[in-house]
Amino acid sequence: MTHPGNDIVSENADRLTTPISANREPSRDSRLLNPLERVFEIMFGLIMALSFTCAISVAEAHRPEVKYMLIGAIGCNVAWGIIDAVFYTLNGLVERGRAVAVIHFISKTDDTEKAKDLIADWLPPLIARVTLREHLEYMRKELLRLPSSAIRARITGKDFKMALGIFLLVFLSTFPVTIPFIFIHNVRLALRISNLIAIILLFIGGWLLGRYGGFNKMRTGLAIALIGIIMVFLTIQLGG
């Protein structure tokens, strides 16, 4: 279905999205987790691991303390990877439940204007602004034609795959910052290399976010790295 408002969006794209580079098509991704989700999960895992590695006392640490730190960092990210995956799955289930409730209301109400308002609320704000009422009516009628099997709220195989992907991202992000402690016996040197790796990875994550969002990649990378360092500092100070 073609919206007349699409021309308006196209003509004003540069004005609405100033940071986006001209003539560059926004990145698209067909994988289970979009780039935004993948980068945030990795950065979350990095920050959790850093809260352990940066809390170690270089002046007093010995190999047994480093061993316990590594076990704690890996164990923490395993736990948080599971928790994050479970809540991500539950969030998707609740969203589907909300969708089912909206469709049931649309199918039973005689107030078509209210139904169209609910559909508009469902759309991204910018798309909703340029969607005409007759198009919302078309959507309403199409939703009424959906088979009952298409509007059930349930957890699917895709949800389990996404949950597994989230867990692996959080879990695997532990290793880049903990590997130096495994192979380097000098704790001070291992900590410096670990921190450098973490900062580089945070910068790369920010670079990718900037690319995905259409912002200046260098500035976004530096900003995310700085934010990550501040978050690690606050986590340690608050006893996390």
C-alpha atoms as a PDB file:
ATOM      1  CA  MET A   1       0.000   0.000   0.000  1.00  0.00           C
ATOM      2  CA  THR A   2       1.417   3.402  -0.974  1.00  0.00           C
ATOM      3  CA  HIS A   3       0.901   6.390   1.305  1.00  0.00           C
ATOM      4  CA  PRO A   4       0.686   9.860  -0.271  1.00  0.00           C
ATOM      5  CA  GLY A   5       2.567  11.113   2.752  1.00  0.00           C
ATOM      6  CA  ASN A   6       5.634   9.129   1.716  1.00  0.00           C
ATOM      7  CA  ASP A   7       6.625  11.946  -0.654  1.00  0.00           C
ATOM      8  CA  ILE A   8       6.496  14.368   2.254  1.00  0.00           C
ATOM      9  CA  VAL A   9       8.771  12.152   4.309  1.00  0.00           C
ATOM     10  CA  SER A  10      11.212  11.801   1.416  1.00  0.00           C
ATOM     11  CA  GLU A  11      11.351  15.553   0.717  1.00  0.00           C
ATOM     12  CA  ASN A  12      12.010  16.392   4.353  1.00  0.00           C
ATOM     13  CA  ALA A  13      14.365  13.529   5.192  1.00  0.00           C
ATOM     14  CA  ASP A  14      17.453  15.728   5.458  1.00  0.00           C
ATOM     15  CA  ARG A  15      15.674  18.237   7.679  1.00  0.00           C
ATOM     16  CA  LEU A  16      14.187  15.607   9.983  1.00  0.00           C
ATOM     17  CA  THR A  17      17.393  13.575  10.292  1.00  0.00           C
ATOM     18  CA  THR A  18      20.143  16.183  10.162  1.00  0.00           C
ATOM     19  CA  PRO A  19      22.947  13.895  11.380  1.00  0.00           C
ATOM     20  CA  ILE A  20      22.404  11.341   8.601  1.00  0.00           C
ATOM     21  CA  SER A  21      24.914  11.461   5.763  1.00  0.00           C
ATOM     22  CA  ALA A  22      23.342  12.638   2.531  1.00  0.00           C
ATOM     23  CA  ASN A  23      22.593  10.052  -0.155  1.00  0.00           C
ATOM     24  CA  ARG A  24      23.443   7.114   2.128  1.00  0.00           C
ATOM     25  CA  GLU A  25      20.796   4.443   2.502  1.00  0.00           C
ATOM     26  CA  PRO A  26      20.118   3.560   6.160  1.00  0.00           C
ATOM     27  CA  SER A  27      21.494   0.129   7.059  1.00  0.00           C
ATOM     28  CA  ARG A  28      19.083  -2.795   7.028  1.00  0.00           C
ATOM     29  CA  ASP A  29      19.458  -6.142   8.743  1.00  0.00           C
ATOM     30  CA  SER A  30      17.346  -9.274   8.414  1.00  0.00           C
ATOM     31  CA  ARG A  31      18.912 -11.180  11.312  1.00  0.00           C
ATOM     32  CA  LEU A  32      16.988 -12.008  14.476  1.00  0.00           C
ATOM     33  CA  LEU A  33      18.487  -9.182  16.538  1.00  0.00           C
ATOM     34  CA  ASN A  34      18.906  -5.832  14.839  1.00  0.00           C
ATOM     35  CA  PRO A  35      22.270  -3.987  15.081  1.00  0.00           C
ATOM     36  CA  LEU A  36      20.965  -1.766  17.878  1.00  0.00           C
ATOM     37  CA  GLU A  37      20.011  -4.736  20.051  1.00  0.00           C
ATOM     38  CA  ARG A  38      23.251  -6.595  19.354  1.00  0.00           C
ATOM     39  CA  VAL A  39      25.497  -3.640  20.179  1.00  0.00           C
ATOM     40  CA  PHE A  40      23.625  -2.807  23.384  1.00  0.00           C
ATOM     41  CA  GLU A  41      23.755  -6.414  24.595  1.00  0.00           C
ATOM     42  CA  ILE A  42      27.506  -6.575  23.953  1.00  0.00           C
ATOM     43  CA  MET A  43      28.122  -3.254  25.712  1.00  0.00           C
ATOM     44  CA  PHE A  44      26.014  -4.408  28.644  1.00  0.00           C
ATOM     45  CA  GLY A  45      28.156  -7.525  28.974  1.00  0.00           C
ATOM     46  CA  LEU A  46      31.347  -5.479  28.682  1.00  0.00           C
ATOM     47  CA  ILE A  47      30.317  -3.095  31.426  1.00  0.00           C
ATOM     48  CA  MET A  48      29.357  -5.970  33.723  1.00  0.00           C
ATOM     49  CA  ALA A  49      32.737  -7.638  33.162  1.00  0.00           C
ATOM     50  CA  LEU A  50      34.587  -4.351  33.655  1.00  0.00           C
ATOM     51  CA  SER A  51      32.876  -3.829  36.997  1.00  0.00           C
ATOM     52  CA  PHE A  52      34.800  -6.926  38.166  1.00  0.00           C
ATOM     53  CA  THR A  53      38.154  -6.361  36.479  1.00  0.00           C
ATOM     54  CA  CYS A  54      38.390  -2.690  37.436  1.00  0.00           C
ATOM     55  CA  ALA A  55      37.510  -3.424  41.047  1.00  0.00           C
ATOM     56  CA  ILE A  56      40.612  -5.553  41.549  1.00  0.00           C
ATOM     57  CA  SER A  57      43.404  -3.941  43.558  1.00  0.00           C
ATOM     58  CA  VAL A  58      46.549  -3.962  41.423  1.00  0.00           C
ATOM     59  CA  ALA A  59      48.808  -3.305  44.410  1.00  0.00           C
ATOM     60  CA  GLU A  60      47.475  -6.192  46.469  1.00  0.00           C
ATOM     61  CA  ALA A  61      46.170  -8.706  43.938  1.00  0.00           C
ATOM     62  CA  HIS A  62      47.691 -12.159  43.648  1.00  0.00           C
ATOM     63  CA  ARG A  63      46.853 -14.953  41.224  1.00  0.00           C
ATOM     64  CA  PRO A  64      44.231 -16.570  43.519  1.00  0.00           C
ATOM     65  CA  GLU A  65      42.365 -13.225  43.747  1.00  0.00           C
ATOM     66  CA  VAL A  66      42.533 -12.893  39.970  1.00  0.00           C
ATOM     67  CA  LYS A  67      41.119 -16.410  39.591  1.00  0.00           C
ATOM     68  CA  TYR A  68      38.152 -15.560  41.829  1.00  0.00           C
ATOM     69  CA  MET A  69      37.635 -12.326  39.904  1.00  0.00           C
ATOM     70  CA  LEU A  70      37.502 -14.200  36.602  1.00  0.00           C
ATOM     71  CA  ILE A  71      35.038 -16.742  38.004  1.00  0.00           C
ATOM     72  CA  GLY A  72      32.897 -13.916  39.392  1.00  0.00           C
ATOM     73  CA  ALA A  73      32.909 -11.968  36.099  1.00  0.00           C
ATOM     74  CA  ILE A  74      31.980 -15.005  34.013  1.00  0.00           C
ATOM     75  CA  GLY A  75      29.361 -16.177  36.519  1.00  0.00           C
ATOM     76  CA  CYS A  76      27.804 -12.714  36.715  1.00  0.00           C
ATOM     77  CA  ASN A  77      27.497 -12.436  32.934  1.00  0.00           C
ATOM     78  CA  VAL A  78      26.037 -15.937  32.701  1.00  0.00           C
ATOM     79  CA  ALA A  79      23.382 -14.949  35.244  1.00  0.00           C
ATOM     80  CA  TRP A  80      22.631 -11.603  33.619  1.00  0.00           C
ATOM     81  CA  GLY A  81      22.619 -13.164  30.163  1.00  0.00           C
ATOM     82  CA  ILE A  82      19.906 -15.586  31.306  1.00  0.00           C
ATOM     83  CA  ILE A  83      17.927 -12.830  33.044  1.00  0.00           C
ATOM     84  CA  ASP A  84      18.172 -10.498  30.057  1.00  0.00           C
ATOM     85  CA  ALA A  85      17.098 -13.270  27.666  1.00  0.00           C
ATOM     86  CA  VAL A  86      14.110 -14.226  29.837  1.00  0.00           C
ATOM     87  CA  PHE A  87      12.881 -10.646  30.180  1.00  0.00           C
ATOM     88  CA  TYR A  88      13.373  -9.998  26.457  1.00  0.00           C
ATOM     89  CA  THR A  89      11.170 -13.027  25.730  1.00  0.00           C
ATOM     90  CA  LEU A  90       8.547 -11.944  28.263  1.00  0.00           C
ATOM     91  CA  ASN A  91       8.529  -8.439  26.802  1.00  0.00           C
ATOM     92  CA  GLY A  92       7.779  -9.866  23.357  1.00  0.00           C
ATOM     93  CA  LEU A  93       5.021 -12.038  24.789  1.00  0.00           C
ATOM     94  CA  VAL A  94       3.404  -9.064  26.554  1.00  0.00           C
ATOM     95  CA  GLU A  95       3.611  -6.978  23.363  1.00  0.00           C
ATOM     96  CA  ARG A  96       1.807  -9.734  21.466  1.00  0.00           C
ATOM     97  CA  GLY A  97      -0.782  -9.944  24.207  1.00  0.00           C
ATOM     98  CA  ARG A  98      -1.348  -6.218  23.849  1.00  0.00           C
ATOM     99  CA  ALA A  99      -1.731  -6.657  20.090  1.00  0.00           C
ATOM    100  CA  VAL A 100      -4.290  -9.432  20.588  1.00  0.00           C
ATOM    101  CA  ALA A 101      -6.263  -7.228  23.001  1.00  0.00           C
ATOM    102  CA  VAL A 102      -6.275  -4.361  20.481  1.00  0.00           C
ATOM    103  CA  ILE A 103      -7.398  -6.609  17.618  1.00  0.00           C
ATOM    104  CA  HIS A 104     -10.151  -8.125  19.746  1.00  0.00           C
ATOM    105  CA  PHE A 105     -11.369  -4.641  20.621  1.00  0.00           C
ATOM    106  CA  ILE A 106     -11.294  -3.618  16.956  1.00  0.00           C
ATOM    107  CA  SER A 107     -13.277  -6.713  15.975  1.00  0.00           C
ATOM    108  CA  LYS A 108     -16.010  -6.105  18.547  1.00  0.00           C
ATOM    109  CA  THR A 109     -16.404  -2.333  18.745  1.00  0.00           C
ATOM    110  CA  ASP A 110     -18.804  -0.278  16.664  1.00  0.00           C
ATOM    111  CA  ASP A 111     -16.672   2.821  17.239  1.00  0.00           C
ATOM    112  CA  THR A 112     -14.529   2.704  14.098  1.00  0.00           C
ATOM    113  CA  GLU A 113     -12.881   6.044  14.884  1.00  0.00           C
ATOM    114  CA  LYS A 114     -11.656   4.711  18.216  1.00  0.00           C
ATOM    115  CA  ALA A 115     -10.380   1.609  16.439  1.00  0.00           C
ATOM    116  CA  LYS A 116      -8.466   3.734  13.941  1.00  0.00           C
ATOM    117  CA  ASP A 117      -6.967   5.770  16.788  1.00  0.00           C
ATOM    118  CA  LEU A 118      -5.668   2.569  18.372  1.00  0.00           C
ATOM    119  CA  ILE A 119      -4.131   1.497  15.068  1.00  0.00           C
ATOM    120  CA  ALA A 120      -2.473   4.912  14.729  1.00  0.00           C
ATOM    121  CA  ASP A 121      -1.041   4.528  18.229  1.00  0.00           C
ATOM    122  CA  TRP A 122       0.427   1.226  17.085  1.00  0.00           C
ATOM    123  CA  LEU A 123       2.396   2.857  14.280  1.00  0.00           C
ATOM    124  CA  PRO A 124       5.745   4.644  14.661  1.00  0.00           C
ATOM    125  CA  PRO A 125       4.996   8.339  15.443  1.00  0.00           C
ATOM    126  CA  LEU A 126       6.412   9.719  12.184  1.00  0.00           C
ATOM    127  CA  ILE A 127       4.499   7.166  10.092  1.00  0.00           C
ATOM    128  CA  ALA A 128       1.300   7.844  12.047  1.00  0.00           C
ATOM    129  CA  ARG A 129       1.609  11.579  11.331  1.00  0.00           C
ATOM    130  CA  VAL A 130       1.490  11.050   7.564  1.00  0.00           C
ATOM    131  CA  THR A 131      -1.054   8.202   7.510  1.00  0.00           C
ATOM    132  CA  LEU A 132      -4.488   9.307   6.323  1.00  0.00           C
ATOM    133  CA  ARG A 133      -7.683   8.197   8.063  1.00  0.00           C
ATOM    134  CA  GLU A 134      -8.790   6.213   5.020  1.00  0.00           C
ATOM    135  CA  HIS A 135      -5.551   4.260   5.185  1.00  0.00           C
ATOM    136  CA  LEU A 136      -6.206   3.518   8.851  1.00  0.00           C
ATOM    137  CA  GLU A 137      -9.653   2.296   7.847  1.00  0.00           C
ATOM    138  CA  TYR A 138      -8.063  -0.015   5.278  1.00  0.00           C
ATOM    139  CA  MET A 139      -5.767  -1.377   7.996  1.00  0.00           C
ATOM    140  CA  ARG A 140      -8.729  -1.882  10.300  1.00  0.00           C
ATOM    141  CA  LYS A 141     -10.563  -3.952   7.708  1.00  0.00           C
ATOM    142  CA  GLU A 142      -7.463  -6.003   6.926  1.00  0.00           C
ATOM    143  CA  LEU A 143      -6.927  -6.745  10.622  1.00  0.00           C
ATOM    144  CA  LEU A 144     -10.497  -8.019  10.842  1.00  0.00           C
ATOM    145  CA  ARG A 145      -9.698 -10.523   8.077  1.00  0.00           C
ATOM    146  CA  LEU A 146      -6.787 -12.071   9.966  1.00  0.00           C
ATOM    147  CA  PRO A 147      -7.332 -15.737  10.922  1.00  0.00           C
ATOM    148  CA  SER A 148      -7.569 -16.470  14.637  1.00  0.00           C
ATOM    149  CA  SER A 149      -4.316 -18.468  14.458  1.00  0.00           C
ATOM    150  CA  ALA A 150      -2.458 -15.274  13.513  1.00  0.00           C
ATOM    151  CA  ILE A 151      -3.493 -13.282  16.570  1.00  0.00           C
ATOM    152  CA  ARG A 152      -2.608 -15.593  19.430  1.00  0.00           C
ATOM    153  CA  ALA A 153      -0.074 -14.516  22.033  1.00  0.00           C
ATOM    154  CA  ARG A 154       2.468 -17.286  22.466  1.00  0.00           C
ATOM    155  CA  ILE A 155       6.207 -17.873  22.662  1.00  0.00           C
ATOM    156  CA  THR A 156       7.600 -19.139  19.366  1.00  0.00           C
ATOM    157  CA  GLY A 157      10.747 -20.903  18.242  1.00  0.00           C
ATOM    158  CA  LYS A 158      12.061 -17.575  16.997  1.00  0.00           C
ATOM    159  CA  ASP A 159      11.736 -16.195  20.530  1.00  0.00           C
ATOM    160  CA  PHE A 160      13.928 -18.989  21.870  1.00  0.00           C
ATOM    161  CA  LYS A 161      16.518 -18.302  19.165  1.00  0.00           C
ATOM    162  CA  MET A 162      16.532 -14.601  20.034  1.00  0.00           C
ATOM    163  CA  ALA A 163      16.832 -15.393  23.741  1.00  0.00           C
ATOM    164  CA  LEU A 164      19.781 -17.687  23.017  1.00  0.00           C
ATOM    165  CA  GLY A 165      21.385 -14.962  20.899  1.00  0.00           C
ATOM    166  CA  ILE A 166      21.030 -12.426  23.718  1.00  0.00           C
ATOM    167  CA  PHE A 167      22.513 -14.834  26.255  1.00  0.00           C
ATOM    168  CA  LEU A 168      25.495 -15.596  24.013  1.00  0.00           C
ATOM    169  CA  LEU A 169      26.161 -11.914  23.340  1.00  0.00           C
ATOM    170  CA  VAL A 170      26.215 -11.043  27.042  1.00  0.00           C
ATOM    171  CA  PHE A 171      28.205 -14.153  27.961  1.00  0.00           C
ATOM    172  CA  LEU A 172      30.806 -13.968  25.191  1.00  0.00           C
ATOM    173  CA  SER A 173      31.399 -10.248  25.745  1.00  0.00           C
ATOM    174  CA  THR A 174      33.033 -11.231  29.069  1.00  0.00           C
ATOM    175  CA  PHE A 175      36.031 -12.867  27.458  1.00  0.00           C
ATOM    176  CA  PRO A 176      37.767  -9.990  25.630  1.00  0.00           C
ATOM    177  CA  VAL A 177      38.323  -8.173  28.948  1.00  0.00           C
ATOM    178  CA  THR A 178      39.167 -11.280  30.996  1.00  0.00           C
ATOM    179  CA  ILE A 179      41.529 -13.082  28.583  1.00  0.00           C
ATOM    180  CA  PRO A 180      44.523 -10.815  29.438  1.00  0.00           C
ATOM    181  CA  PHE A 181      44.331 -11.989  33.059  1.00  0.00           C
ATOM    182  CA  ILE A 182      44.543 -15.620  31.896  1.00  0.00           C
ATOM    183  CA  PHE A 183      47.693 -15.258  29.795  1.00  0.00           C
ATOM    184  CA  ILE A 184      49.509 -12.358  31.504  1.00  0.00           C
ATOM    185  CA  HIS A 185      50.786 -12.974  35.029  1.00  0.00           C
ATOM    186  CA  ASN A 186      51.618  -9.320  35.679  1.00  0.00           C
ATOM    187  CA  VAL A 187      48.289  -8.110  37.112  1.00  0.00           C
ATOM    188  CA  ARG A 188      48.987  -4.435  36.450  1.00  0.00           C
ATOM    189  CA  LEU A 189      49.851  -5.057  32.802  1.00  0.00           C
ATOM    190  CA  ALA A 190      46.882  -7.413  32.376  1.00  0.00           C
ATOM    191  CA  LEU A 191      44.547  -4.777  33.804  1.00  0.00           C
ATOM    192  CA  ARG A 192      45.879  -2.067  31.485  1.00  0.00           C
ATOM    193  CA  ILE A 193      45.496  -4.296  28.422  1.00  0.00           C
ATOM    194  CA  SER A 194      42.032  -5.395  29.562  1.00  0.00           C
ATOM    195  CA  ASN A 195      40.913  -1.783  29.978  1.00  0.00           C
ATOM    196  CA  LEU A 196      42.342  -0.848  26.586  1.00  0.00           C
ATOM    197  CA  ILE A 197      40.471  -3.705  24.910  1.00  0.00           C
ATOM    198  CA  ALA A 198      37.246  -2.668  26.643  1.00  0.00           C
ATOM    199  CA  ILE A 199      37.607   0.959  25.598  1.00  0.00           C
ATOM    200  CA  ILE A 200      38.286  -0.065  21.997  1.00  0.00           C
ATOM    201  CA  LEU A 201      35.246  -2.359  21.969  1.00  0.00           C
ATOM    202  CA  LEU A 202      33.039   0.342  23.493  1.00  0.00           C
ATOM    203  CA  PHE A 203      34.285   2.766  20.847  1.00  0.00           C
ATOM    204  CA  ILE A 204      33.514   0.237  18.095  1.00  0.00           C
ATOM    205  CA  GLY A 205      30.042  -0.266  19.589  1.00  0.00           C
ATOM    206  CA  GLY A 206      29.470   3.488  19.566  1.00  0.00           C
ATOM    207  CA  TRP A 207      30.772   3.690  15.998  1.00  0.00           C
ATOM    208  CA  LEU A 208      28.243   1.048  14.926  1.00  0.00           C
ATOM    209  CA  LEU A 209      25.433   2.829  16.793  1.00  0.00           C
ATOM    210  CA  GLY A 210      26.371   6.084  15.087  1.00  0.00           C
ATOM    211  CA  ARG A 211      26.337   4.368  11.715  1.00  0.00           C
ATOM    212  CA  TYR A 212      22.976   2.731  12.408  1.00  0.00           C
ATOM    213  CA  GLY A 213      21.426   5.940  13.727  1.00  0.00           C
ATOM    214  CA  GLY A 214      22.974   8.167  11.067  1.00  0.00           C
ATOM    215  CA  PHE A 215      25.092  10.218  13.487  1.00  0.00           C
ATOM    216  CA  ASN A 216      28.750  11.183  13.359  1.00  0.00           C
ATOM    217  CA  LYS A 217      30.478   7.823  13.896  1.00  0.00           C
ATOM    218  CA  MET A 218      33.650   9.170  15.500  1.00  0.00           C
ATOM    219  CA  ARG A 219      31.818  11.376  17.986  1.00  0.00           C
ATOM    220  CA  THR A 220      29.305   8.664  18.826  1.00  0.00           C
ATOM    221  CA  GLY A 221      32.091   6.142  19.358  1.00  0.00           C
ATOM    222  CA  LEU A 222      33.978   8.466  21.700  1.00  0.00           C
ATOM    223  CA  ALA A 223      30.782   9.386  23.559  1.00  0.00           C
ATOM    224  CA  ILE A 224      29.792   5.744  24.097  1.00  0.00           C
ATOM    225  CA  ALA A 225      33.293   4.850  25.284  1.00  0.00           C
ATOM    226  CA  LEU A 226      33.181   7.737  27.771  1.00  0.00           C
ATOM    227  CA  ILE A 227      29.685   6.803  28.937  1.00  0.00           C
ATOM    228  CA  GLY A 228      30.819   3.201  29.402  1.00  0.00           C
ATOM    229  CA  ILE A 229      33.787   4.283  31.529  1.00  0.00           C
ATOM    230  CA  ILE A 230      31.540   6.485  33.681  1.00  0.00           C
ATOM    231  CA  MET A 231      29.014   3.668  34.116  1.00  0.00           C
ATOM    232  CA  VAL A 232      31.763   1.262  35.194  1.00  0.00           C
ATOM    233  CA  PHE A 233      33.046   3.811  37.713  1.00  0.00           C
ATOM    234  CA  LEU A 234      29.552   4.347  39.126  1.00  0.00           C
ATOM    235  CA  THR A 235      28.902   0.584  39.289  1.00  0.00           C
ATOM    236  CA  ILE A 236      32.082   0.034  41.282  1.00  0.00           C
ATOM    237  CA  GLN A 237      31.434   2.997  43.582  1.00  0.00           C
ATOM    238  CA  LEU A 238      27.883   1.850  44.284  1.00  0.00           C
ATOM    239  CA  GLY A 239      29.026  -1.656  45.108  1.00  0.00           C
ATOM    240  CA  GLY A 240      27.856  -3.316  41.882  1.00  0.00           C
END
